[in-house]
């Protein structure tokens, strides 16, 4: 993969050329012009800026999902070229899109991600502009969403683990309960492993490197383990993920001859830390994270999880895993919040 860094002046010049038609004609004409230029583009630099500006145009037209898809196209090109400046510009646009959608959590998340991607860049004006947008998004959250009785609770700081970043927790992680001693139950038959799972590209690569050793622990052949297509998502390692395929009624990595995860069993058999091979979303289930918010997974939130309703709170069950990823300071702050939530319930 090539890497071609360009200056801020070149960025401004290319953006100005692509945006000039916005000011000279109706949006429909500008859209057709950009689509034609995208089809004609022969290099990634032009494709990147055309998709970026096409996403901006669609945002102005109120076509938010189409705008997001165009911006993600730019993000994938930026990722391919390992260009942090380009990724920062995309996530600033995605933050602006979240503002248009009145999603201030999304805006804050994307602006902060853009700041992290800009940290090593020499042009400090980029970060200064993003910090203004971060403050505006946070002030709006504080004044309109984060009331004292809100279900979303702000943390004292942003806690980061790899590409994951948590700034808020949903109070229900301290209240929602389930039977956390998974392999001791005799009624679920691995229900929560019935649907496959997201898995980041780096995890896929580690599994494929060890596939011959993993095969004896799982059921289907290796070629059926993963969906072929990858999707951009900034919170997963490597910024790309795919899905683990279910096989019949179960995940492809269910143990061959007993209950539980074959990848987890394989790791234990090798004396390996299972965090190195088991998908993140499986380790943290039934917790979920998105746009900086740690919350119960949808299956626990709506009580469709077979073992929901009795046992440990999801926070207490997952406390050690959360500390593994985010550190002791994170779990200590959550302990303090838990005490307050339990007093107030």
C-alpha atoms as a PDB file:
ATOM      1  CA  UNK A   1       0.000   0.000   0.000  1.00  0.00           C
ATOM      2  CA  UNK A   2       1.320   3.431  -0.991  1.00  0.00           C
ATOM      3  CA  UNK A   3       1.343   6.444   1.270  1.00  0.00           C
ATOM      4  CA  UNK A   4       0.999   9.909  -0.205  1.00  0.00           C
ATOM      5  CA  UNK A   5       0.786  12.746   2.287  1.00  0.00           C
ATOM      6  CA  UNK A   6      -0.301  16.127   0.953  1.00  0.00           C
ATOM      7  CA  UNK A   7      -0.142  19.594   2.407  1.00  0.00           C
ATOM      8  CA  UNK A   8      -2.965  21.680   3.840  1.00  0.00           C
ATOM      9  CA  UNK A   9      -2.660  24.047   0.854  1.00  0.00           C
ATOM     10  CA  UNK A  10      -3.225  21.165  -1.564  1.00  0.00           C
ATOM     11  CA  UNK A  11      -6.195  20.009   0.507  1.00  0.00           C
ATOM     12  CA  UNK A  12      -7.727  23.485   0.361  1.00  0.00           C
ATOM     13  CA  UNK A  13      -7.142  23.692  -3.389  1.00  0.00           C
ATOM     14  CA  UNK A  14      -8.728  20.320  -4.141  1.00  0.00           C
ATOM     15  CA  UNK A  15     -11.646  21.002  -1.806  1.00  0.00           C
ATOM     16  CA  UNK A  16     -12.251  24.390  -3.411  1.00  0.00           C
ATOM     17  CA  UNK A  17     -12.282  22.889  -6.906  1.00  0.00           C
ATOM     18  CA  UNK A  18     -14.752  20.214  -5.884  1.00  0.00           C
ATOM     19  CA  UNK A  19     -16.979  22.640  -3.980  1.00  0.00           C
ATOM     20  CA  UNK A  20     -17.217  25.402  -6.598  1.00  0.00           C
ATOM     21  CA  UNK A  21     -20.262  23.852  -8.258  1.00  0.00           C
ATOM     22  CA  UNK A  22     -22.135  23.918  -4.922  1.00  0.00           C
ATOM     23  CA  UNK A  23     -22.226  27.684  -5.191  1.00  0.00           C
ATOM     24  CA  UNK A  24     -23.017  27.916  -8.900  1.00  0.00           C
ATOM     25  CA  UNK A  25     -26.019  25.678  -9.407  1.00  0.00           C
ATOM     26  CA  UNK A  26     -28.740  23.561  -7.858  1.00  0.00           C
ATOM     27  CA  UNK A  27     -27.726  20.648  -5.673  1.00  0.00           C
ATOM     28  CA  UNK A  28     -29.016  18.145  -8.234  1.00  0.00           C
ATOM     29  CA  UNK A  29     -26.624  19.507 -10.850  1.00  0.00           C
ATOM     30  CA  UNK A  30     -23.753  19.501  -8.380  1.00  0.00           C
ATOM     31  CA  UNK A  31     -24.537  15.901  -7.481  1.00  0.00           C
ATOM     32  CA  UNK A  32     -24.455  14.799 -11.105  1.00  0.00           C
ATOM     33  CA  UNK A  33     -21.187  16.656 -11.617  1.00  0.00           C
ATOM     34  CA  UNK A  34     -19.563  14.960  -8.626  1.00  0.00           C
ATOM     35  CA  UNK A  35     -20.853  11.509  -9.587  1.00  0.00           C
ATOM     36  CA  UNK A  36     -19.406  11.950 -13.047  1.00  0.00           C
ATOM     37  CA  UNK A  37     -16.061  13.022 -11.612  1.00  0.00           C
ATOM     38  CA  UNK A  38     -16.061  10.038  -9.225  1.00  0.00           C
ATOM     39  CA  UNK A  39     -16.597   7.674 -12.171  1.00  0.00           C
ATOM     40  CA  UNK A  40     -13.773   9.357 -14.084  1.00  0.00           C
ATOM     41  CA  UNK A  41     -11.281   9.457 -11.184  1.00  0.00           C
ATOM     42  CA  UNK A  42      -8.155   7.409 -11.806  1.00  0.00           C
ATOM     43  CA  UNK A  43      -6.245   7.868  -8.551  1.00  0.00           C
ATOM     44  CA  UNK A  44      -7.046   7.623  -4.855  1.00  0.00           C
ATOM     45  CA  UNK A  45      -6.236  11.243  -4.074  1.00  0.00           C
ATOM     46  CA  UNK A  46      -9.036  12.433  -6.342  1.00  0.00           C
ATOM     47  CA  UNK A  47     -11.379   9.644  -5.258  1.00  0.00           C
ATOM     48  CA  UNK A  48     -10.805  10.537  -1.619  1.00  0.00           C
ATOM     49  CA  UNK A  49     -11.640  14.232  -1.997  1.00  0.00           C
ATOM     50  CA  UNK A  50     -14.513  13.617  -4.391  1.00  0.00           C
ATOM     51  CA  UNK A  51     -16.195  11.196  -1.972  1.00  0.00           C
ATOM     52  CA  UNK A  52     -15.479  13.561   0.923  1.00  0.00           C
ATOM     53  CA  UNK A  53     -17.110  16.484  -0.837  1.00  0.00           C
ATOM     54  CA  UNK A  54     -19.917  14.324  -2.220  1.00  0.00           C
ATOM     55  CA  UNK A  55     -20.675  13.352   1.374  1.00  0.00           C
ATOM     56  CA  UNK A  56     -20.715  17.034   2.297  1.00  0.00           C
ATOM     57  CA  UNK A  57     -23.129  17.830  -0.532  1.00  0.00           C
ATOM     58  CA  UNK A  58     -25.474  14.988   0.431  1.00  0.00           C
ATOM     59  CA  UNK A  59     -25.395  16.283   4.004  1.00  0.00           C
ATOM     60  CA  UNK A  60     -26.551  19.704   2.771  1.00  0.00           C
ATOM     61  CA  UNK A  61     -29.354  17.940   0.865  1.00  0.00           C
ATOM     62  CA  UNK A  62     -30.524  16.172   4.037  1.00  0.00           C
ATOM     63  CA  UNK A  63     -29.668  12.725   2.631  1.00  0.00           C
ATOM     64  CA  UNK A  64     -27.889  11.645   5.751  1.00  0.00           C
ATOM     65  CA  UNK A  65     -27.512   7.898   5.171  1.00  0.00           C
ATOM     66  CA  UNK A  66     -26.211   8.497   1.635  1.00  0.00           C
ATOM     67  CA  UNK A  67     -23.852  11.103   3.065  1.00  0.00           C
ATOM     68  CA  UNK A  68     -22.516   8.627   5.621  1.00  0.00           C
ATOM     69  CA  UNK A  69     -21.897   6.023   2.912  1.00  0.00           C
ATOM     70  CA  UNK A  70     -19.941   8.522   0.799  1.00  0.00           C
ATOM     71  CA  UNK A  71     -17.848   9.606   3.777  1.00  0.00           C
ATOM     72  CA  UNK A  72     -17.093   5.995   4.672  1.00  0.00           C
ATOM     73  CA  UNK A  73     -15.805   5.540   1.119  1.00  0.00           C
ATOM     74  CA  UNK A  74     -13.331   8.337   1.837  1.00  0.00           C
ATOM     75  CA  UNK A  75     -12.406   6.740   5.165  1.00  0.00           C
ATOM     76  CA  UNK A  76     -11.629   3.429   3.475  1.00  0.00           C
ATOM     77  CA  UNK A  77      -9.295   5.160   1.013  1.00  0.00           C
ATOM     78  CA  UNK A  78      -7.606   7.030   3.869  1.00  0.00           C
ATOM     79  CA  UNK A  79      -7.182   3.782   5.779  1.00  0.00           C
ATOM     80  CA  UNK A  80      -5.698   2.058   2.730  1.00  0.00           C
ATOM     81  CA  UNK A  81      -3.086   4.807   2.502  1.00  0.00           C
ATOM     82  CA  UNK A  82      -2.556   4.918   6.286  1.00  0.00           C
ATOM     83  CA  UNK A  83      -3.168   8.651   6.110  1.00  0.00           C
ATOM     84  CA  UNK A  84      -4.183  10.017   9.518  1.00  0.00           C
ATOM     85  CA  UNK A  85      -4.873  13.505   8.156  1.00  0.00           C
ATOM     86  CA  UNK A  86      -7.386  12.142   5.694  1.00  0.00           C
ATOM     87  CA  UNK A  87      -9.034  10.052   8.429  1.00  0.00           C
ATOM     88  CA  UNK A  88      -9.237  13.115  10.665  1.00  0.00           C
ATOM     89  CA  UNK A  89     -10.957  15.103   7.911  1.00  0.00           C
ATOM     90  CA  UNK A  90     -13.479  12.293   7.344  1.00  0.00           C
ATOM     91  CA  UNK A  91     -14.331  12.025  11.019  1.00  0.00           C
ATOM     92  CA  UNK A  92     -14.723  15.773  11.302  1.00  0.00           C
ATOM     93  CA  UNK A  93     -17.302  15.506   8.500  1.00  0.00           C
ATOM     94  CA  UNK A  94     -18.950  12.540  10.237  1.00  0.00           C
ATOM     95  CA  UNK A  95     -19.130  14.673  13.377  1.00  0.00           C
ATOM     96  CA  UNK A  96     -20.765  17.461  11.378  1.00  0.00           C
ATOM     97  CA  UNK A  97     -23.227  14.896  10.012  1.00  0.00           C
ATOM     98  CA  UNK A  98     -24.063  13.791  13.557  1.00  0.00           C
ATOM     99  CA  UNK A  99     -24.722  17.430  14.474  1.00  0.00           C
ATOM    100  CA  UNK A 100     -27.104  17.689  11.499  1.00  0.00           C
ATOM    101  CA  UNK A 101     -28.870  14.586  12.792  1.00  0.00           C
ATOM    102  CA  UNK A 102     -28.962  16.141  16.298  1.00  0.00           C
ATOM    103  CA  UNK A 103     -26.872  13.232  17.579  1.00  0.00           C
ATOM    104  CA  UNK A 104     -24.470  15.013  19.920  1.00  0.00           C
ATOM    105  CA  UNK A 105     -22.981  11.775  21.276  1.00  0.00           C
ATOM    106  CA  UNK A 106     -22.012  10.811  17.736  1.00  0.00           C
ATOM    107  CA  UNK A 107     -20.638  14.281  17.069  1.00  0.00           C
ATOM    108  CA  UNK A 108     -18.499  14.239  20.204  1.00  0.00           C
ATOM    109  CA  UNK A 109     -17.252  10.738  19.392  1.00  0.00           C
ATOM    110  CA  UNK A 110     -16.200  11.582  15.838  1.00  0.00           C
ATOM    111  CA  UNK A 111     -14.602  14.918  16.712  1.00  0.00           C
ATOM    112  CA  UNK A 112     -12.559  13.288  19.476  1.00  0.00           C
ATOM    113  CA  UNK A 113     -11.508  10.494  17.140  1.00  0.00           C
ATOM    114  CA  UNK A 114     -10.404  13.124  14.614  1.00  0.00           C
ATOM    115  CA  UNK A 115      -8.330  14.823  17.329  1.00  0.00           C
ATOM    116  CA  UNK A 116      -6.573  11.549  18.142  1.00  0.00           C
ATOM    117  CA  UNK A 117      -5.794  11.027  14.463  1.00  0.00           C
ATOM    118  CA  UNK A 118      -4.477  14.595  14.228  1.00  0.00           C
ATOM    119  CA  UNK A 119      -2.228  14.339  17.292  1.00  0.00           C
ATOM    120  CA  UNK A 120       0.967  13.681  15.337  1.00  0.00           C
ATOM    121  CA  UNK A 121       0.301  16.238  12.591  1.00  0.00           C
ATOM    122  CA  UNK A 122       2.362  19.452  12.530  1.00  0.00           C
ATOM    123  CA  UNK A 123      -0.610  21.703  11.743  1.00  0.00           C
ATOM    124  CA  UNK A 124      -2.071  22.497  15.192  1.00  0.00           C
ATOM    125  CA  UNK A 125      -4.884  24.577  13.703  1.00  0.00           C
ATOM    126  CA  UNK A 126      -6.668  21.337  12.789  1.00  0.00           C
ATOM    127  CA  UNK A 127      -6.816  20.269  16.439  1.00  0.00           C
ATOM    128  CA  UNK A 128      -7.777  23.758  17.585  1.00  0.00           C
ATOM    129  CA  UNK A 129     -10.743  23.773  15.195  1.00  0.00           C
ATOM    130  CA  UNK A 130     -11.789  20.305  16.348  1.00  0.00           C
ATOM    131  CA  UNK A 131     -11.549  21.282  20.014  1.00  0.00           C
ATOM    132  CA  UNK A 132     -13.996  24.130  19.367  1.00  0.00           C
ATOM    133  CA  UNK A 133     -16.421  21.586  17.899  1.00  0.00           C
ATOM    134  CA  UNK A 134     -15.845  19.163  20.807  1.00  0.00           C
ATOM    135  CA  UNK A 135     -16.670  21.897  23.318  1.00  0.00           C
ATOM    136  CA  UNK A 136     -19.809  22.893  21.408  1.00  0.00           C
ATOM    137  CA  UNK A 137     -21.032  19.282  21.239  1.00  0.00           C
ATOM    138  CA  UNK A 138     -20.298  18.693  24.924  1.00  0.00           C
ATOM    139  CA  UNK A 139     -21.979  21.941  25.990  1.00  0.00           C
ATOM    140  CA  UNK A 140     -25.091  20.959  24.046  1.00  0.00           C
ATOM    141  CA  UNK A 141     -25.084  17.527  25.681  1.00  0.00           C
ATOM    142  CA  UNK A 142     -24.724  19.063  29.127  1.00  0.00           C
ATOM    143  CA  UNK A 143     -27.578  21.494  28.565  1.00  0.00           C
ATOM    144  CA  UNK A 144     -30.059  19.249  26.744  1.00  0.00           C
ATOM    145  CA  UNK A 145     -29.372  15.569  27.451  1.00  0.00           C
ATOM    146  CA  UNK A 146     -27.195  14.988  30.504  1.00  0.00           C
ATOM    147  CA  UNK A 147     -29.603  16.065  33.226  1.00  0.00           C
ATOM    148  CA  UNK A 148     -29.103  14.748  36.789  1.00  0.00           C
ATOM    149  CA  UNK A 149     -31.699  12.032  36.180  1.00  0.00           C
ATOM    150  CA  UNK A 150     -30.395  11.038  32.746  1.00  0.00           C
ATOM    151  CA  UNK A 151     -29.859   7.349  32.027  1.00  0.00           C
ATOM    152  CA  UNK A 152     -26.531   8.277  30.373  1.00  0.00           C
ATOM    153  CA  UNK A 153     -23.825   9.195  32.874  1.00  0.00           C
ATOM    154  CA  UNK A 154     -20.711  11.172  31.864  1.00  0.00           C
ATOM    155  CA  UNK A 155     -17.282   9.993  33.017  1.00  0.00           C
ATOM    156  CA  UNK A 156     -14.541  12.230  34.355  1.00  0.00           C
ATOM    157  CA  UNK A 157     -12.394  11.561  31.292  1.00  0.00           C
ATOM    158  CA  UNK A 158     -12.316   9.636  28.030  1.00  0.00           C
ATOM    159  CA  UNK A 159     -10.959   6.122  28.573  1.00  0.00           C
ATOM    160  CA  UNK A 160      -9.206   4.610  25.570  1.00  0.00           C
ATOM    161  CA  UNK A 161      -8.222   1.047  24.719  1.00  0.00           C
ATOM    162  CA  UNK A 162      -6.895   0.636  21.188  1.00  0.00           C
ATOM    163  CA  UNK A 163      -9.559   2.205  18.992  1.00  0.00           C
ATOM    164  CA  UNK A 164     -12.275   1.965  21.655  1.00  0.00           C
ATOM    165  CA  UNK A 165     -13.028   5.117  23.607  1.00  0.00           C
ATOM    166  CA  UNK A 166     -15.579   5.361  26.432  1.00  0.00           C
ATOM    167  CA  UNK A 167     -16.798   8.711  27.757  1.00  0.00           C
ATOM    168  CA  UNK A 168     -20.244   7.740  29.095  1.00  0.00           C
ATOM    169  CA  UNK A 169     -21.968   4.766  30.705  1.00  0.00           C
ATOM    170  CA  UNK A 170     -25.609   3.774  30.695  1.00  0.00           C
ATOM    171  CA  UNK A 171     -26.905   3.402  34.242  1.00  0.00           C
ATOM    172  CA  UNK A 172     -28.487   0.045  33.346  1.00  0.00           C
ATOM    173  CA  UNK A 173     -25.103  -1.677  33.276  1.00  0.00           C
ATOM    174  CA  UNK A 174     -25.360  -1.535  37.078  1.00  0.00           C
ATOM    175  CA  UNK A 175     -28.997  -2.696  37.184  1.00  0.00           C
ATOM    176  CA  UNK A 176     -29.524  -5.244  34.415  1.00  0.00           C
ATOM    177  CA  UNK A 177     -28.765  -8.791  35.586  1.00  0.00           C
ATOM    178  CA  UNK A 178     -28.172 -12.160  33.958  1.00  0.00           C
ATOM    179  CA  UNK A 179     -26.795 -15.620  34.746  1.00  0.00           C
ATOM    180  CA  UNK A 180     -23.118 -14.801  34.297  1.00  0.00           C
ATOM    181  CA  UNK A 181     -21.671 -18.251  35.069  1.00  0.00           C
ATOM    182  CA  UNK A 182     -22.242 -19.248  31.479  1.00  0.00           C
ATOM    183  CA  UNK A 183     -20.969 -22.828  31.350  1.00  0.00           C
ATOM    184  CA  UNK A 184     -22.757 -23.758  34.590  1.00  0.00           C
ATOM    185  CA  UNK A 185     -26.237 -23.256  33.117  1.00  0.00           C
ATOM    186  CA  UNK A 186     -28.298 -26.169  31.761  1.00  0.00           C
ATOM    187  CA  UNK A 187     -30.987 -24.347  29.811  1.00  0.00           C
ATOM    188  CA  UNK A 188     -29.548 -21.967  27.212  1.00  0.00           C
ATOM    189  CA  UNK A 189     -27.619 -24.384  24.960  1.00  0.00           C
ATOM    190  CA  UNK A 190     -25.272 -21.567  23.903  1.00  0.00           C
ATOM    191  CA  UNK A 191     -28.182 -19.373  22.763  1.00  0.00           C
ATOM    192  CA  UNK A 192     -26.059 -16.190  22.766  1.00  0.00           C
ATOM    193  CA  UNK A 193     -23.645 -17.860  20.315  1.00  0.00           C
ATOM    194  CA  UNK A 194     -26.374 -18.500  17.762  1.00  0.00           C
ATOM    195  CA  UNK A 195     -26.015 -15.482  15.525  1.00  0.00           C
ATOM    196  CA  UNK A 196     -22.359 -15.042  14.685  1.00  0.00           C
ATOM    197  CA  UNK A 197     -20.487 -11.922  15.782  1.00  0.00           C
ATOM    198  CA  UNK A 198     -18.509  -8.951  14.527  1.00  0.00           C
ATOM    199  CA  UNK A 199     -14.774  -9.580  14.373  1.00  0.00           C
ATOM    200  CA  UNK A 200     -12.029  -7.089  13.566  1.00  0.00           C
ATOM    201  CA  UNK A 201      -9.585  -7.670  10.736  1.00  0.00           C
ATOM    202  CA  UNK A 202      -6.589  -8.108  13.023  1.00  0.00           C
ATOM    203  CA  UNK A 203      -8.394 -10.836  14.966  1.00  0.00           C
ATOM    204  CA  UNK A 204      -9.283 -12.567  11.687  1.00  0.00           C
ATOM    205  CA  UNK A 205      -5.630 -12.511  10.668  1.00  0.00           C
ATOM    206  CA  UNK A 206      -4.498 -14.032  13.980  1.00  0.00           C
ATOM    207  CA  UNK A 207      -7.072 -16.818  13.674  1.00  0.00           C
ATOM    208  CA  UNK A 208      -6.082 -17.563  10.094  1.00  0.00           C
ATOM    209  CA  UNK A 209      -2.418 -17.749  11.079  1.00  0.00           C
ATOM    210  CA  UNK A 210      -3.301 -20.459  13.624  1.00  0.00           C
ATOM    211  CA  UNK A 211      -6.146 -22.147  11.750  1.00  0.00           C
ATOM    212  CA  UNK A 212      -4.565 -25.608  11.557  1.00  0.00           C
ATOM    213  CA  UNK A 213      -4.199 -25.696  15.338  1.00  0.00           C
ATOM    214  CA  UNK A 214      -7.696 -24.267  15.891  1.00  0.00           C
ATOM    215  CA  UNK A 215      -9.506 -26.722  13.584  1.00  0.00           C
ATOM    216  CA  UNK A 216      -9.605 -29.610  16.115  1.00  0.00           C
ATOM    217  CA  UNK A 217     -11.444 -27.367  18.583  1.00  0.00           C
ATOM    218  CA  UNK A 218     -14.302 -26.221  16.292  1.00  0.00           C
ATOM    219  CA  UNK A 219     -16.876 -27.744  13.960  1.00  0.00           C
ATOM    220  CA  UNK A 220     -16.964 -26.438  10.375  1.00  0.00           C
ATOM    221  CA  UNK A 221     -14.086 -26.175   7.872  1.00  0.00           C
ATOM    222  CA  UNK A 222     -11.993 -22.986   7.904  1.00  0.00           C
ATOM    223  CA  UNK A 223     -13.398 -21.658   4.619  1.00  0.00           C
ATOM    224  CA  UNK A 224     -16.808 -21.131   6.218  1.00  0.00           C
ATOM    225  CA  UNK A 225     -15.693 -19.129   9.224  1.00  0.00           C
ATOM    226  CA  UNK A 226     -16.025 -15.531   7.989  1.00  0.00           C
ATOM    227  CA  UNK A 227     -18.080 -13.419   5.625  1.00  0.00           C
ATOM    228  CA  UNK A 228     -15.988 -12.205   2.705  1.00  0.00           C
ATOM    229  CA  UNK A 229     -16.751  -8.467   2.878  1.00  0.00           C
ATOM    230  CA  UNK A 230     -15.157  -6.034   5.346  1.00  0.00           C
ATOM    231  CA  UNK A 231     -16.767  -2.834   6.629  1.00  0.00           C
ATOM    232  CA  UNK A 232     -15.060   0.294   7.965  1.00  0.00           C
ATOM    233  CA  UNK A 233     -15.650   1.036  11.639  1.00  0.00           C
ATOM    234  CA  UNK A 234     -13.291   3.207  13.642  1.00  0.00           C
ATOM    235  CA  UNK A 235     -13.818   1.483  17.008  1.00  0.00           C
ATOM    236  CA  UNK A 236     -12.484  -1.922  15.942  1.00  0.00           C
ATOM    237  CA  UNK A 237      -8.795  -2.789  15.750  1.00  0.00           C
ATOM    238  CA  UNK A 238      -7.548  -2.146  12.239  1.00  0.00           C
ATOM    239  CA  UNK A 239     -10.683  -0.060  11.506  1.00  0.00           C
ATOM    240  CA  UNK A 240     -12.255  -2.932   9.535  1.00  0.00           C
ATOM    241  CA  UNK A 241     -14.518  -5.785  10.578  1.00  0.00           C
ATOM    242  CA  UNK A 242     -16.463  -8.657   9.125  1.00  0.00           C
ATOM    243  CA  UNK A 243     -18.873 -11.216  10.597  1.00  0.00           C
ATOM    244  CA  UNK A 244     -18.325 -14.711  11.914  1.00  0.00           C
ATOM    245  CA  UNK A 245     -20.725 -17.007  10.112  1.00  0.00           C
ATOM    246  CA  UNK A 246     -23.255 -19.021  12.080  1.00  0.00           C
ATOM    247  CA  UNK A 247     -23.280 -22.720  11.173  1.00  0.00           C
ATOM    248  CA  UNK A 248     -26.793 -24.112  11.529  1.00  0.00           C
ATOM    249  CA  UNK A 249     -28.017 -22.879  14.906  1.00  0.00           C
ATOM    250  CA  UNK A 250     -24.599 -21.953  16.300  1.00  0.00           C
ATOM    251  CA  UNK A 251     -21.491 -19.786  15.789  1.00  0.00           C
ATOM    252  CA  UNK A 252     -18.762 -21.266  13.592  1.00  0.00           C
ATOM    253  CA  UNK A 253     -16.440 -21.349  16.600  1.00  0.00           C
ATOM    254  CA  UNK A 254     -18.626 -23.305  19.004  1.00  0.00           C
ATOM    255  CA  UNK A 255     -16.600 -26.145  20.527  1.00  0.00           C
ATOM    256  CA  UNK A 256     -16.625 -29.339  18.525  1.00  0.00           C
ATOM    257  CA  UNK A 257     -17.564 -31.769  21.300  1.00  0.00           C
ATOM    258  CA  UNK A 258     -18.772 -29.705  24.246  1.00  0.00           C
ATOM    259  CA  UNK A 259     -20.373 -26.391  25.188  1.00  0.00           C
ATOM    260  CA  UNK A 260     -18.668 -23.041  24.971  1.00  0.00           C
ATOM    261  CA  UNK A 261     -16.312 -21.193  22.644  1.00  0.00           C
ATOM    262  CA  UNK A 262     -13.783 -23.273  20.726  1.00  0.00           C
ATOM    263  CA  UNK A 263     -11.446 -20.291  20.421  1.00  0.00           C
ATOM    264  CA  UNK A 264     -11.479 -19.848  24.203  1.00  0.00           C
ATOM    265  CA  UNK A 265     -10.746 -23.562  24.695  1.00  0.00           C
ATOM    266  CA  UNK A 266      -7.953 -23.423  22.134  1.00  0.00           C
ATOM    267  CA  UNK A 267      -6.337 -20.452  23.914  1.00  0.00           C
ATOM    268  CA  UNK A 268      -6.475 -22.214  27.290  1.00  0.00           C
ATOM    269  CA  UNK A 269      -4.968 -25.370  25.798  1.00  0.00           C
ATOM    270  CA  UNK A 270      -2.025 -23.349  24.467  1.00  0.00           C
ATOM    271  CA  UNK A 271      -1.489 -21.369  27.662  1.00  0.00           C
ATOM    272  CA  UNK A 272      -2.422 -18.277  25.632  1.00  0.00           C
ATOM    273  CA  UNK A 273      -4.329 -15.229  26.837  1.00  0.00           C
ATOM    274  CA  UNK A 274      -7.778 -15.672  25.242  1.00  0.00           C
ATOM    275  CA  UNK A 275      -7.923 -11.916  24.613  1.00  0.00           C
ATOM    276  CA  UNK A 276      -5.424 -12.527  21.805  1.00  0.00           C
ATOM    277  CA  UNK A 277      -7.729 -14.783  19.792  1.00  0.00           C
ATOM    278  CA  UNK A 278     -11.341 -14.420  20.982  1.00  0.00           C
ATOM    279  CA  UNK A 279     -13.409 -11.596  19.409  1.00  0.00           C
ATOM    280  CA  UNK A 280     -13.789  -8.484  21.532  1.00  0.00           C
ATOM    281  CA  UNK A 281     -17.583  -8.343  21.213  1.00  0.00           C
ATOM    282  CA  UNK A 282     -17.818 -11.941  22.459  1.00  0.00           C
ATOM    283  CA  UNK A 283     -15.608 -11.228  25.463  1.00  0.00           C
ATOM    284  CA  UNK A 284     -17.630  -8.175  26.501  1.00  0.00           C
ATOM    285  CA  UNK A 285     -21.104  -9.585  25.784  1.00  0.00           C
ATOM    286  CA  UNK A 286     -23.672  -8.685  27.104  1.00  0.00           C
ATOM    287  CA  UNK A 287     -22.070  -5.250  27.165  1.00  0.00           C
ATOM    288  CA  UNK A 288     -21.997  -3.072  24.080  1.00  0.00           C
ATOM    289  CA  UNK A 289     -20.145   0.108  23.099  1.00  0.00           C
ATOM    290  CA  UNK A 290     -20.933   2.719  20.481  1.00  0.00           C
ATOM    291  CA  UNK A 291     -20.261   6.448  20.078  1.00  0.00           C
ATOM    292  CA  UNK A 292     -18.409   6.577  23.382  1.00  0.00           C
ATOM    293  CA  UNK A 293     -21.232   4.989  25.424  1.00  0.00           C
ATOM    294  CA  UNK A 294     -20.853   1.715  27.350  1.00  0.00           C
ATOM    295  CA  UNK A 295     -24.281   0.118  27.657  1.00  0.00           C
ATOM    296  CA  UNK A 296     -26.094  -3.220  27.979  1.00  0.00           C
ATOM    297  CA  UNK A 297     -26.190  -5.163  24.719  1.00  0.00           C
ATOM    298  CA  UNK A 298     -29.595  -4.965  22.980  1.00  0.00           C
ATOM    299  CA  UNK A 299     -30.402  -8.570  23.952  1.00  0.00           C
ATOM    300  CA  UNK A 300     -30.018  -7.701  27.634  1.00  0.00           C
ATOM    301  CA  UNK A 301     -31.644  -4.306  27.287  1.00  0.00           C
ATOM    302  CA  UNK A 302     -34.863  -5.792  25.896  1.00  0.00           C
ATOM    303  CA  UNK A 303     -34.668  -8.951  28.056  1.00  0.00           C
ATOM    304  CA  UNK A 304     -34.574 -11.244  25.022  1.00  0.00           C
ATOM    305  CA  UNK A 305     -31.364 -12.809  26.357  1.00  0.00           C
ATOM    306  CA  UNK A 306     -32.370 -16.261  27.578  1.00  0.00           C
ATOM    307  CA  UNK A 307     -30.540 -15.919  30.896  1.00  0.00           C
ATOM    308  CA  UNK A 308     -31.550 -12.291  31.606  1.00  0.00           C
ATOM    309  CA  UNK A 309     -33.293 -11.297  34.802  1.00  0.00           C
ATOM    310  CA  UNK A 310     -31.389 -12.919  37.671  1.00  0.00           C
ATOM    311  CA  UNK A 311     -27.815 -13.193  38.802  1.00  0.00           C
ATOM    312  CA  UNK A 312     -25.036 -10.620  38.708  1.00  0.00           C
ATOM    313  CA  UNK A 313     -25.303  -7.162  37.217  1.00  0.00           C
ATOM    314  CA  UNK A 314     -23.639  -6.961  33.822  1.00  0.00           C
ATOM    315  CA  UNK A 315     -21.113  -4.516  35.264  1.00  0.00           C
ATOM    316  CA  UNK A 316     -20.102  -6.830  38.101  1.00  0.00           C
ATOM    317  CA  UNK A 317     -19.906  -9.791  35.728  1.00  0.00           C
ATOM    318  CA  UNK A 318     -17.738  -7.875  33.261  1.00  0.00           C
ATOM    319  CA  UNK A 319     -15.731  -5.792  35.724  1.00  0.00           C
ATOM    320  CA  UNK A 320     -12.487  -7.739  35.288  1.00  0.00           C
ATOM    321  CA  UNK A 321     -12.740  -7.579  31.500  1.00  0.00           C
ATOM    322  CA  UNK A 322     -13.399  -3.842  31.566  1.00  0.00           C
ATOM    323  CA  UNK A 323     -10.393  -3.352  33.820  1.00  0.00           C
ATOM    324  CA  UNK A 324      -8.293  -5.451  31.434  1.00  0.00           C
ATOM    325  CA  UNK A 325      -9.141  -3.147  28.535  1.00  0.00           C
ATOM    326  CA  UNK A 326      -9.442   0.247  30.222  1.00  0.00           C
ATOM    327  CA  UNK A 327      -7.453  -0.007  33.453  1.00  0.00           C
ATOM    328  CA  UNK A 328      -8.019   0.248  37.179  1.00  0.00           C
ATOM    329  CA  UNK A 329      -8.874   3.945  37.184  1.00  0.00           C
ATOM    330  CA  UNK A 330     -11.805   3.175  34.864  1.00  0.00           C
ATOM    331  CA  UNK A 331     -13.198   0.431  37.118  1.00  0.00           C
ATOM    332  CA  UNK A 332     -12.723   2.593  40.218  1.00  0.00           C
ATOM    333  CA  UNK A 333     -14.769   5.386  38.657  1.00  0.00           C
ATOM    334  CA  UNK A 334     -17.452   2.902  37.651  1.00  0.00           C
ATOM    335  CA  UNK A 335     -17.490   1.520  41.208  1.00  0.00           C
ATOM    336  CA  UNK A 336     -18.246   5.010  42.488  1.00  0.00           C
ATOM    337  CA  UNK A 337     -21.007   5.506  39.926  1.00  0.00           C
ATOM    338  CA  UNK A 338     -22.470   2.082  40.740  1.00  0.00           C
ATOM    339  CA  UNK A 339     -22.786   2.970  44.420  1.00  0.00           C
ATOM    340  CA  UNK A 340     -24.657   6.148  43.536  1.00  0.00           C
ATOM    341  CA  UNK A 341     -26.981   4.391  41.068  1.00  0.00           C
ATOM    342  CA  UNK A 342     -27.826   1.642  43.550  1.00  0.00           C
ATOM    343  CA  UNK A 343     -28.586   4.200  46.264  1.00  0.00           C
ATOM    344  CA  UNK A 344     -30.916   6.103  43.939  1.00  0.00           C
ATOM    345  CA  UNK A 345     -32.812   3.232  42.338  1.00  0.00           C
END
